[in-house]
Structures are given as structure tokens and as C-alpha cells.
Amino acid sequence: MPDWIKNMRSSHLHEIEDLERIISENSTEQKTLSQHFKISMNKFAGDRSVETCLDALNVSIQLASIRRKLMEAYEQYARLLEGEIIRLRRLCEDKV
């Protein structure tokens, strides 16, 4: 593990680990939903029934929801890492 990670405040380290877990889980779910969406759209393209339309719409809504969660997790992850970069830069400047 790099030294800069060891020097991170423990609360931020735990937040980052939690975010990495959330991102990983949601990325897996997004891949699964993307496959289901493709299948649903193919069924709808062939059948054109209300049922297949609703199935495709349902998967589309689920996919949009998981993508929103992923975007929020990445934004929070970036903010935490940016804060740590700023903190480390200040530490380096203080040593010089």
C-alpha cells in the first residue's frame, strides 16, 4: 500500500473503501441490467405488445436509477480524493 494511502485520515479511508465497494456492486448491477435491457428491447422490437413495452420500460427505469447512483458515488469519491490531494500538497509545501 502506498505511503500516501497510509497517511490518509482513517475516516476518509473508510469512506473511500465503502465507495469503492458501492461502485463495484453498482457497476456489476449496471452490466446485468444492460444485458436485460438489450433482451427486453429485442423482445419489444419483435412483439410490439404492451407487456414487452412495459418490461423494456421497467428495465430502462432501473438502469437509469443505478446509473444515477453510480454517478453520485463517483462524484463523492472524486471529492474525497481531491480533498486528500489538497491535504497532501499542503503537507509537502510545509516540508519545503
PDB file of N, CA and C in Angstrom:
ATOM      1  N   MET A   1       0.841  -1.173   0.000  1.00  0.00           N
ATOM      2  CA  MET A   1       0.000   0.000   0.000  1.00  0.00           C
ATOM      3  C   MET A   1       0.891   1.241   0.000  1.00  0.00           C
ATOM      4  N   PRO A   2       0.607   2.202  -0.893  1.00  0.00           N
ATOM      5  CA  PRO A   2       1.436   3.412  -0.938  1.00  0.00           C
ATOM      6  C   PRO A   2       1.367   4.195   0.373  1.00  0.00           C
ATOM      7  N   ASP A   3       2.461   4.933   0.640  1.00  0.00           N
ATOM      8  CA  ASP A   3       2.536   5.711   1.878  1.00  0.00           C
ATOM      9  C   ASP A   3       1.428   6.743   1.980  1.00  0.00           C
ATOM     10  N   TRP A   4       1.066   7.364   0.858  1.00  0.00           N
ATOM     11  CA  TRP A   4       0.043   8.410   0.934  1.00  0.00           C
ATOM     12  C   TRP A   4      -1.296   7.843   1.358  1.00  0.00           C
ATOM     13  N   ILE A   5      -1.570   6.583   1.024  1.00  0.00           N
ATOM     14  CA  ILE A   5      -2.823   5.965   1.474  1.00  0.00           C
ATOM     15  C   ILE A   5      -2.755   5.690   2.970  1.00  0.00           C
ATOM     16  N   LYS A   6      -1.592   5.255   3.452  1.00  0.00           N
ATOM     17  CA  LYS A   6      -1.437   5.000   4.883  1.00  0.00           C
ATOM     18  C   LYS A   6      -1.609   6.278   5.695  1.00  0.00           C
ATOM     19  N   ASN A   7      -1.239   7.419   5.113  1.00  0.00           N
ATOM     20  CA  ASN A   7      -1.325   8.691   5.813  1.00  0.00           C
ATOM     21  C   ASN A   7      -2.710   9.329   5.767  1.00  0.00           C
ATOM     22  N   MET A   8      -3.621   8.751   5.019  1.00  0.00           N
ATOM     23  CA  MET A   8      -4.964   9.319   4.929  1.00  0.00           C
ATOM     24  C   MET A   8      -5.646   9.238   6.286  1.00  0.00           C
ATOM     25  N   ARG A   9      -6.484  10.194   6.529  1.00  0.00           N
ATOM     26  CA  ARG A   9      -7.269  10.129   7.756  1.00  0.00           C
ATOM     27  C   ARG A   9      -8.142   8.890   7.700  1.00  0.00           C
ATOM     28  N   SER A  10      -8.230   8.184   8.798  1.00  0.00           N
ATOM     29  CA  SER A  10      -8.917   6.888   8.796  1.00  0.00           C
ATOM     30  C   SER A  10     -10.384   7.009   8.394  1.00  0.00           C
ATOM     31  N   SER A  11     -11.050   8.098   8.758  1.00  0.00           N
ATOM     32  CA  SER A  11     -12.461   8.238   8.381  1.00  0.00           C
ATOM     33  C   SER A  11     -12.603   8.339   6.871  1.00  0.00           C
ATOM     34  N   HIS A  12     -11.697   9.079   6.220  1.00  0.00           N
ATOM     35  CA  HIS A  12     -11.756   9.192   4.758  1.00  0.00           C
ATOM     36  C   HIS A  12     -11.390   7.869   4.103  1.00  0.00           C
ATOM     37  N   LEU A  13     -10.456   7.159   4.694  1.00  0.00           N
ATOM     38  CA  LEU A  13     -10.062   5.866   4.131  1.00  0.00           C
ATOM     39  C   LEU A  13     -11.248   4.898   4.140  1.00  0.00           C
ATOM     40  N   HIS A  14     -12.000   4.901   5.236  1.00  0.00           N
ATOM     41  CA  HIS A  14     -13.180   4.027   5.320  1.00  0.00           C
ATOM     42  C   HIS A  14     -14.258   4.471   4.330  1.00  0.00           C
ATOM     43  N   GLU A  15     -14.442   5.776   4.182  1.00  0.00           N
ATOM     44  CA  GLU A  15     -15.417   6.275   3.211  1.00  0.00           C
ATOM     45  C   GLU A  15     -15.028   5.863   1.799  1.00  0.00           C
ATOM     46  N   ILE A  16     -13.753   5.981   1.486  1.00  0.00           N
ATOM     47  CA  ILE A  16     -13.284   5.616   0.151  1.00  0.00           C
ATOM     48  C   ILE A  16     -13.459   4.119  -0.086  1.00  0.00           C
ATOM     49  N   GLU A  17     -13.139   3.313   0.908  1.00  0.00           N
ATOM     50  CA  GLU A  17     -13.332   1.867   0.767  1.00  0.00           C
ATOM     51  C   GLU A  17     -14.806   1.537   0.563  1.00  0.00           C
ATOM     52  N   ASP A  18     -15.691   2.208   1.310  1.00  0.00           N
ATOM     53  CA  ASP A  18     -17.128   1.985   1.144  1.00  0.00           C
ATOM     54  C   ASP A  18     -17.584   2.400  -0.257  1.00  0.00           C
ATOM     55  N   LEU A  19     -17.094   3.542  -0.728  1.00  0.00           N
ATOM     56  CA  LEU A  19     -17.459   3.999  -2.065  1.00  0.00           C
ATOM     57  C   LEU A  19     -16.950   3.053  -3.144  1.00  0.00           C
ATOM     58  N   GLU A  20     -15.749   2.539  -2.969  1.00  0.00           N
ATOM     59  CA  GLU A  20     -15.220   1.573  -3.937  1.00  0.00           C
ATOM     60  C   GLU A  20     -16.097   0.324  -3.980  1.00  0.00           C
ATOM     61  N   ARG A  21     -16.555  -0.113  -2.825  1.00  0.00           N
ATOM     62  CA  ARG A  21     -17.446  -1.279  -2.772  1.00  0.00           C
ATOM     63  C   ARG A  21     -18.778  -0.976  -3.462  1.00  0.00           C
ATOM     64  N   ILE A  22     -19.351   0.189  -3.170  1.00  0.00           N
ATOM     65  CA  ILE A  22     -20.616   0.588  -3.773  1.00  0.00           C
ATOM     66  C   ILE A  22     -20.481   0.699  -5.290  1.00  0.00           C
ATOM     67  N   ILE A  23     -19.404   1.307  -5.743  1.00  0.00           N
ATOM     68  CA  ILE A  23     -19.172   1.456  -7.182  1.00  0.00           C
ATOM     69  C   ILE A  23     -19.041   0.093  -7.847  1.00  0.00           C
ATOM     70  N   SER A  24     -18.315  -0.797  -7.211  1.00  0.00           N
ATOM     71  CA  SER A  24     -18.143  -2.138  -7.774  1.00  0.00           C
ATOM     72  C   SER A  24     -19.482  -2.877  -7.870  1.00  0.00           C
ATOM     73  N   GLU A  25     -20.252  -2.833  -6.786  1.00  0.00           N
ATOM     74  CA  GLU A  25     -21.551  -3.519  -6.782  1.00  0.00           C
ATOM     75  C   GLU A  25     -22.491  -2.928  -7.827  1.00  0.00           C
ATOM     76  N   ASN A  26     -22.556  -1.597  -7.887  1.00  0.00           N
ATOM     77  CA  ASN A  26     -23.455  -0.952  -8.837  1.00  0.00           C
ATOM     78  C   ASN A  26     -23.000  -1.148 -10.275  1.00  0.00           C
ATOM     79  N   SER A  27     -21.698  -1.215 -10.505  1.00  0.00           N
ATOM     80  CA  SER A  27     -21.194  -1.469 -11.855  1.00  0.00           C
ATOM     81  C   SER A  27     -21.605  -2.858 -12.323  1.00  0.00           C
ATOM     82  N   THR A  28     -21.527  -3.818 -11.427  1.00  0.00           N
ATOM     83  CA  THR A  28     -21.955  -5.179 -11.756  1.00  0.00           C
ATOM     84  C   THR A  28     -23.445  -5.207 -12.062  1.00  0.00           C
ATOM     85  N   GLU A  29     -24.222  -4.521 -11.228  1.00  0.00           N
ATOM     86  CA  GLU A  29     -25.670  -4.470 -11.451  1.00  0.00           C
ATOM     87  C   GLU A  29     -25.993  -3.758 -12.764  1.00  0.00           C
ATOM     88  N   GLN A  30     -25.235  -2.709 -13.097  1.00  0.00           N
ATOM     89  CA  GLN A  30     -25.469  -1.994 -14.348  1.00  0.00           C
ATOM     90  C   GLN A  30     -25.220  -2.909 -15.541  1.00  0.00           C
ATOM     91  N   LYS A  31     -24.160  -3.703 -15.486  1.00  0.00           N
ATOM     92  CA  LYS A  31     -23.876  -4.627 -16.583  1.00  0.00           C
ATOM     93  C   LYS A  31     -25.013  -5.626 -16.760  1.00  0.00           C
ATOM     94  N   THR A  32     -25.504  -6.151 -15.646  1.00  0.00           N
ATOM     95  CA  THR A  32     -26.607  -7.111 -15.690  1.00  0.00           C
ATOM     96  C   THR A  32     -27.861  -6.460 -16.267  1.00  0.00           C
ATOM     97  N   LEU A  33     -28.188  -5.265 -15.784  1.00  0.00           N
ATOM     98  CA  LEU A  33     -29.370  -4.563 -16.280  1.00  0.00           C
ATOM     99  C   LEU A  33     -29.230  -4.197 -17.753  1.00  0.00           C
ATOM    100  N   SER A  34     -28.022  -3.849 -18.180  1.00  0.00           N
ATOM    101  CA  SER A  34     -27.803  -3.530 -19.598  1.00  0.00           C
ATOM    102  C   SER A  34     -28.098  -4.738 -20.477  1.00  0.00           C
ATOM    103  N   GLN A  35     -27.702  -5.914 -20.017  1.00  0.00           N
ATOM    104  CA  GLN A  35     -27.995  -7.138 -20.767  1.00  0.00           C
ATOM    105  C   GLN A  35     -29.498  -7.404 -20.796  1.00  0.00           C
ATOM    106  N   HIS A  36     -30.165  -7.210 -19.649  1.00  0.00           N
ATOM    107  CA  HIS A  36     -31.622  -7.398 -19.588  1.00  0.00           C
ATOM    108  C   HIS A  36     -32.333  -6.381 -20.489  1.00  0.00           C
ATOM    109  N   PHE A  37     -31.823  -5.152 -20.518  1.00  0.00           N
ATOM    110  CA  PHE A  37     -32.432  -4.130 -21.360  1.00  0.00           C
ATOM    111  C   PHE A  37     -32.319  -4.499 -22.835  1.00  0.00           C
ATOM    112  N   LYS A  38     -31.158  -4.991 -23.229  1.00  0.00           N
ATOM    113  CA  LYS A  38     -30.969  -5.394 -24.626  1.00  0.00           C
ATOM    114  C   LYS A  38     -31.958  -6.501 -25.001  1.00  0.00           C
ATOM    115  N   ILE A  39     -32.099  -7.467 -24.114  1.00  0.00           N
ATOM    116  CA  ILE A  39     -33.039  -8.572 -24.356  1.00  0.00           C
ATOM    117  C   ILE A  39     -34.470  -8.047 -24.422  1.00  0.00           C
ATOM    118  N   SER A  40     -34.828  -7.177 -23.480  1.00  0.00           N
ATOM    119  CA  SER A  40     -36.183  -6.608 -23.444  1.00  0.00           C
ATOM    120  C   SER A  40     -36.489  -5.810 -24.709  1.00  0.00           C
ATOM    121  N   MET A  41     -35.518  -5.036 -25.168  1.00  0.00           N
ATOM    122  CA  MET A  41     -35.731  -4.246 -26.381  1.00  0.00           C
ATOM    123  C   MET A  41     -35.864  -5.148 -27.611  1.00  0.00           C
ATOM    124  N   ASN A  42     -35.091  -6.232 -27.646  1.00  0.00           N
ATOM    125  CA  ASN A  42     -35.224  -7.166 -28.766  1.00  0.00           C
ATOM    126  C   ASN A  42     -36.593  -7.828 -28.764  1.00  0.00           C
ATOM    127  N   LYS A  43     -37.078  -8.191 -27.588  1.00  0.00           N
ATOM    128  CA  LYS A  43     -38.426  -8.770 -27.493  1.00  0.00           C
ATOM    129  C   LYS A  43     -39.477  -7.763 -27.930  1.00  0.00           C
ATOM    130  N   PHE A  44     -39.319  -6.527 -27.485  1.00  0.00           N
ATOM    131  CA  PHE A  44     -40.279  -5.485 -27.859  1.00  0.00           C
ATOM    132  C   PHE A  44     -40.241  -5.210 -29.359  1.00  0.00           C
ATOM    133  N   ALA A  45     -39.054  -5.208 -29.935  1.00  0.00           N
ATOM    134  CA  ALA A  45     -38.931  -4.968 -31.378  1.00  0.00           C
ATOM    135  C   ALA A  45     -39.633  -6.058 -32.182  1.00  0.00           C
ATOM    136  N   GLY A  46     -39.642  -7.280 -31.664  1.00  0.00           N
ATOM    137  CA  GLY A  46     -40.277  -8.386 -32.371  1.00  0.00           C
ATOM    138  C   GLY A  46     -41.757  -8.518 -32.079  1.00  0.00           C
ATOM    139  N   ASP A  47     -42.164  -8.181 -30.881  1.00  0.00           N
ATOM    140  CA  ASP A  47     -43.533  -8.438 -30.441  1.00  0.00           C
ATOM    141  C   ASP A  47     -44.431  -7.198 -30.518  1.00  0.00           C
ATOM    142  N   ARG A  48     -43.923  -6.070 -30.076  1.00  0.00           N
ATOM    143  CA  ARG A  48     -44.658  -4.800 -30.039  1.00  0.00           C
ATOM    144  C   ARG A  48     -45.936  -4.866 -29.205  1.00  0.00           C
ATOM    145  N   SER A  49     -45.913  -5.661 -28.138  1.00  0.00           N
ATOM    146  CA  SER A  49     -47.073  -5.724 -27.253  1.00  0.00           C
ATOM    147  C   SER A  49     -46.895  -4.750 -26.096  1.00  0.00           C
ATOM    148  N   VAL A  50     -47.977  -4.474 -25.426  1.00  0.00           N
ATOM    149  CA  VAL A  50     -47.925  -3.588 -24.262  1.00  0.00           C
ATOM    150  C   VAL A  50     -47.060  -4.219 -23.176  1.00  0.00           C
ATOM    151  N   GLU A  51     -47.153  -5.516 -23.022  1.00  0.00           N
ATOM    152  CA  GLU A  51     -46.378  -6.212 -21.992  1.00  0.00           C
ATOM    153  C   GLU A  51     -44.874  -6.081 -22.239  1.00  0.00           C
ATOM    154  N   THR A  52     -44.433  -6.307 -23.483  1.00  0.00           N
ATOM    155  CA  THR A  52     -42.997  -6.195 -23.761  1.00  0.00           C
ATOM    156  C   THR A  52     -42.535  -4.740 -23.674  1.00  0.00           C
ATOM    157  N   CYS A  53     -43.416  -3.809 -24.021  1.00  0.00           N
ATOM    158  CA  CYS A  53     -43.084  -2.389 -23.893  1.00  0.00           C
ATOM    159  C   CYS A  53     -42.872  -2.036 -22.425  1.00  0.00           C
ATOM    160  N   LEU A  54     -43.785  -2.497 -21.567  1.00  0.00           N
ATOM    161  CA  LEU A  54     -43.667  -2.215 -20.134  1.00  0.00           C
ATOM    162  C   LEU A  54     -42.448  -2.886 -19.519  1.00  0.00           C
ATOM    163  N   ASP A  55     -42.124  -4.082 -19.980  1.00  0.00           N
ATOM    164  CA  ASP A  55     -40.920  -4.763 -19.490  1.00  0.00           C
ATOM    165  C   ASP A  55     -39.664  -3.955 -19.838  1.00  0.00           C
ATOM    166  N   ALA A  56     -39.598  -3.490 -21.083  1.00  0.00           N
ATOM    167  CA  ALA A  56     -38.438  -2.698 -21.507  1.00  0.00           C
ATOM    168  C   ALA A  56     -38.385  -1.375 -20.749  1.00  0.00           C
ATOM    169  N   LEU A  57     -39.528  -0.760 -20.539  1.00  0.00           N
ATOM    170  CA  LEU A  57     -39.584   0.492 -19.791  1.00  0.00           C
ATOM    171  C   LEU A  57     -39.144   0.293 -18.349  1.00  0.00           C
ATOM    172  N   ASN A  58     -39.574  -0.787 -17.735  1.00  0.00           N
ATOM    173  CA  ASN A  58     -39.197  -1.092 -16.350  1.00  0.00           C
ATOM    174  C   ASN A  58     -37.685  -1.264 -16.216  1.00  0.00           C
ATOM    175  N   VAL A  59     -37.099  -2.019 -17.110  1.00  0.00           N
ATOM    176  CA  VAL A  59     -35.647  -2.227 -17.065  1.00  0.00           C
ATOM    177  C   VAL A  59     -34.916  -0.915 -17.331  1.00  0.00           C
ATOM    178  N   SER A  60     -35.455  -0.111 -18.238  1.00  0.00           N
ATOM    179  CA  SER A  60     -34.855   1.189 -18.544  1.00  0.00           C
ATOM    180  C   SER A  60     -34.847   2.097 -17.308  1.00  0.00           C
ATOM    181  N   ILE A  61     -35.926   2.098 -16.562  1.00  0.00           N
ATOM    182  CA  ILE A  61     -36.012   2.911 -15.342  1.00  0.00           C
ATOM    183  C   ILE A  61     -35.022   2.405 -14.301  1.00  0.00           C
ATOM    184  N   GLN A  62     -34.920   1.095 -14.143  1.00  0.00           N
ATOM    185  CA  GLN A  62     -33.960   0.518 -13.203  1.00  0.00           C
ATOM    186  C   GLN A  62     -32.532   0.882 -13.606  1.00  0.00           C
ATOM    187  N   LEU A  63     -32.251   0.833 -14.886  1.00  0.00           N
ATOM    188  CA  LEU A  63     -30.923   1.158 -15.393  1.00  0.00           C
ATOM    189  C   LEU A  63     -30.594   2.630 -15.141  1.00  0.00           C
ATOM    190  N   ALA A  64     -31.558   3.510 -15.367  1.00  0.00           N
ATOM    191  CA  ALA A  64     -31.343   4.934 -15.105  1.00  0.00           C
ATOM    192  C   ALA A  64     -31.081   5.171 -13.620  1.00  0.00           C
ATOM    193  N   SER A  65     -31.782   4.473 -12.771  1.00  0.00           N
ATOM    194  CA  SER A  65     -31.617   4.623 -11.326  1.00  0.00           C
ATOM    195  C   SER A  65     -30.227   4.182 -10.880  1.00  0.00           C
ATOM    196  N   ILE A  66     -29.765   3.051 -11.389  1.00  0.00           N
ATOM    197  CA  ILE A  66     -28.449   2.547 -10.988  1.00  0.00           C
ATOM    198  C   ILE A  66     -27.354   3.451 -11.532  1.00  0.00           C
ATOM    199  N   ARG A  67     -27.558   4.008 -12.710  1.00  0.00           N
ATOM    200  CA  ARG A  67     -26.567   4.939 -13.265  1.00  0.00           C
ATOM    201  C   ARG A  67     -26.506   6.229 -12.454  1.00  0.00           C
ATOM    202  N   ARG A  68     -27.658   6.681 -11.941  1.00  0.00           N
ATOM    203  CA  ARG A  68     -27.663   7.861 -11.071  1.00  0.00           C
ATOM    204  C   ARG A  68     -26.878   7.568  -9.802  1.00  0.00           C
ATOM    205  N   LYS A  69     -27.090   6.399  -9.220  1.00  0.00           N
ATOM    206  CA  LYS A  69     -26.354   6.017  -8.009  1.00  0.00           C
ATOM    207  C   LYS A  69     -24.845   5.954  -8.282  1.00  0.00           C
ATOM    208  N   LEU A  70     -24.480   5.407  -9.429  1.00  0.00           N
ATOM    209  CA  LEU A  70     -23.061   5.335  -9.797  1.00  0.00           C
ATOM    210  C   LEU A  70     -22.468   6.733  -9.955  1.00  0.00           C
ATOM    211  N   MET A  71     -23.196   7.612 -10.621  1.00  0.00           N
ATOM    212  CA  MET A  71     -22.706   8.973 -10.822  1.00  0.00           C
ATOM    213  C   MET A  71     -22.498   9.670  -9.473  1.00  0.00           C
ATOM    214  N   GLU A  72     -23.451   9.531  -8.568  1.00  0.00           N
ATOM    215  CA  GLU A  72     -23.327  10.153  -7.253  1.00  0.00           C
ATOM    216  C   GLU A  72     -22.144   9.581  -6.473  1.00  0.00           C
ATOM    217  N   ALA A  73     -21.948   8.270  -6.567  1.00  0.00           N
ATOM    218  CA  ALA A  73     -20.828   7.637  -5.866  1.00  0.00           C
ATOM    219  C   ALA A  73     -19.493   8.123  -6.431  1.00  0.00           C
ATOM    220  N   TYR A  74     -19.398   8.217  -7.772  1.00  0.00           N
ATOM    221  CA  TYR A  74     -18.158   8.715  -8.387  1.00  0.00           C
ATOM    222  C   TYR A  74     -17.899  10.170  -8.015  1.00  0.00           C
ATOM    223  N   GLU A  75     -18.952  10.983  -7.945  1.00  0.00           N
ATOM    224  CA  GLU A  75     -18.774  12.384  -7.552  1.00  0.00           C
ATOM    225  C   GLU A  75     -18.245  12.486  -6.122  1.00  0.00           C
ATOM    226  N   GLN A  76     -18.830  11.710  -5.217  1.00  0.00           N
ATOM    227  CA  GLN A  76     -18.374  11.733  -3.828  1.00  0.00           C
ATOM    228  C   GLN A  76     -16.942  11.206  -3.717  1.00  0.00           C
ATOM    229  N   TYR A  77     -16.634  10.165  -4.462  1.00  0.00           N
ATOM    230  CA  TYR A  77     -15.297   9.579  -4.493  1.00  0.00           C
ATOM    231  C   TYR A  77     -14.277  10.626  -4.958  1.00  0.00           C
ATOM    232  N   ALA A  78     -14.629  11.356  -6.013  1.00  0.00           N
ATOM    233  CA  ALA A  78     -13.728  12.378  -6.546  1.00  0.00           C
ATOM    234  C   ALA A  78     -13.519  13.503  -5.537  1.00  0.00           C
ATOM    235  N   ARG A  79     -14.585  13.907  -4.849  1.00  0.00           N
ATOM    236  CA  ARG A  79     -14.447  14.975  -3.843  1.00  0.00           C
ATOM    237  C   ARG A  79     -13.527  14.546  -2.712  1.00  0.00           C
ATOM    238  N   LEU A  80     -13.676  13.309  -2.241  1.00  0.00           N
ATOM    239  CA  LEU A  80     -12.810  12.819  -1.163  1.00  0.00           C
ATOM    240  C   LEU A  80     -11.351  12.760  -1.608  1.00  0.00           C
ATOM    241  N   LEU A  81     -11.121  12.240  -2.783  1.00  0.00           N
ATOM    242  CA  LEU A  81      -9.743  12.159  -3.282  1.00  0.00           C
ATOM    243  C   LEU A  81      -9.156  13.545  -3.527  1.00  0.00           C
ATOM    244  N   GLU A  82      -9.958  14.458  -4.020  1.00  0.00           N
ATOM    245  CA  GLU A  82      -9.485  15.818  -4.224  1.00  0.00           C
ATOM    246  C   GLU A  82      -9.089  16.450  -2.889  1.00  0.00           C
ATOM    247  N   GLY A  83      -9.903  16.217  -1.858  1.00  0.00           N
ATOM    248  CA  GLY A  83      -9.571  16.735  -0.529  1.00  0.00           C
ATOM    249  C   GLY A  83      -8.260  16.168  -0.017  1.00  0.00           C
ATOM    250  N   GLU A  84      -8.024  14.900  -0.248  1.00  0.00           N
ATOM    251  CA  GLU A  84      -6.770  14.274   0.191  1.00  0.00           C
ATOM    252  C   GLU A  84      -5.578  14.807  -0.606  1.00  0.00           C
ATOM    253  N   ILE A  85      -5.769  15.047  -1.888  1.00  0.00           N
ATOM    254  CA  ILE A  85      -4.685  15.610  -2.706  1.00  0.00           C
ATOM    255  C   ILE A  85      -4.316  16.992  -2.204  1.00  0.00           C
ATOM    256  N   ILE A  86      -5.318  17.795  -1.907  1.00  0.00           N
ATOM    257  CA  ILE A  86      -5.061  19.143  -1.379  1.00  0.00           C
ATOM    258  C   ILE A  86      -4.330  19.059  -0.046  1.00  0.00           C
ATOM    259  N   ARG A  87      -4.771  18.147   0.815  1.00  0.00           N
ATOM    260  CA  ARG A  87      -4.128  17.988   2.126  1.00  0.00           C
ATOM    261  C   ARG A  87      -2.679  17.556   1.967  1.00  0.00           C
ATOM    262  N   LEU A  88      -2.420  16.607   1.077  1.00  0.00           N
ATOM    263  CA  LEU A  88      -1.050  16.137   0.860  1.00  0.00           C
ATOM    264  C   LEU A  88      -0.168  17.208   0.229  1.00  0.00           C
ATOM    265  N   ARG A  89      -0.745  17.993  -0.675  1.00  0.00           N
ATOM    266  CA  ARG A  89       0.015  19.087  -1.289  1.00  0.00           C
ATOM    267  C   ARG A  89       0.437  20.093  -0.221  1.00  0.00           C
ATOM    268  N   ARG A  90      -0.469  20.387   0.695  1.00  0.00           N
ATOM    269  CA  ARG A  90      -0.138  21.327   1.776  1.00  0.00           C
ATOM    270  C   ARG A  90       0.945  20.765   2.688  1.00  0.00           C
ATOM    271  N   LEU A  91       0.879  19.453   2.959  1.00  0.00           N
ATOM    272  CA  LEU A  91       1.913  18.814   3.766  1.00  0.00           C
ATOM    273  C   LEU A  91       3.283  18.916   3.081  1.00  0.00           C
ATOM    274  N   CYS A  92       3.300  18.697   1.784  1.00  0.00           N
ATOM    275  CA  CYS A  92       4.560  18.792   1.039  1.00  0.00           C
ATOM    276  C   CYS A  92       5.083  20.217   1.027  1.00  0.00           C
ATOM    277  N   GLU A  93       4.198  21.181   0.876  1.00  0.00           N
ATOM    278  CA  GLU A  93       4.612  22.580   0.868  1.00  0.00           C
ATOM    279  C   GLU A  93       5.155  23.000   2.243  1.00  0.00           C
ATOM    280  N   ASP A  94       4.563  22.468   3.309  1.00  0.00           N
ATOM    281  CA  ASP A  94       5.030  22.790   4.651  1.00  0.00           C
ATOM    282  C   ASP A  94       6.417  22.233   4.912  1.00  0.00           C
ATOM    283  N   LYS A  95       6.741  21.097   4.289  1.00  0.00           N
ATOM    284  CA  LYS A  95       8.054  20.482   4.490  1.00  0.00           C
ATOM    285  C   LYS A  95       9.151  21.221   3.730  1.00  0.00           C
ATOM    286  N   VAL A  96       8.759  21.921   2.688  1.00  0.00           N
ATOM    287  CA  VAL A  96       9.760  22.613   1.863  1.00  0.00           C
ATOM    288  C   VAL A  96      10.123  23.912   2.450  1.00  0.00           C
TER     289      VAL A  96
END
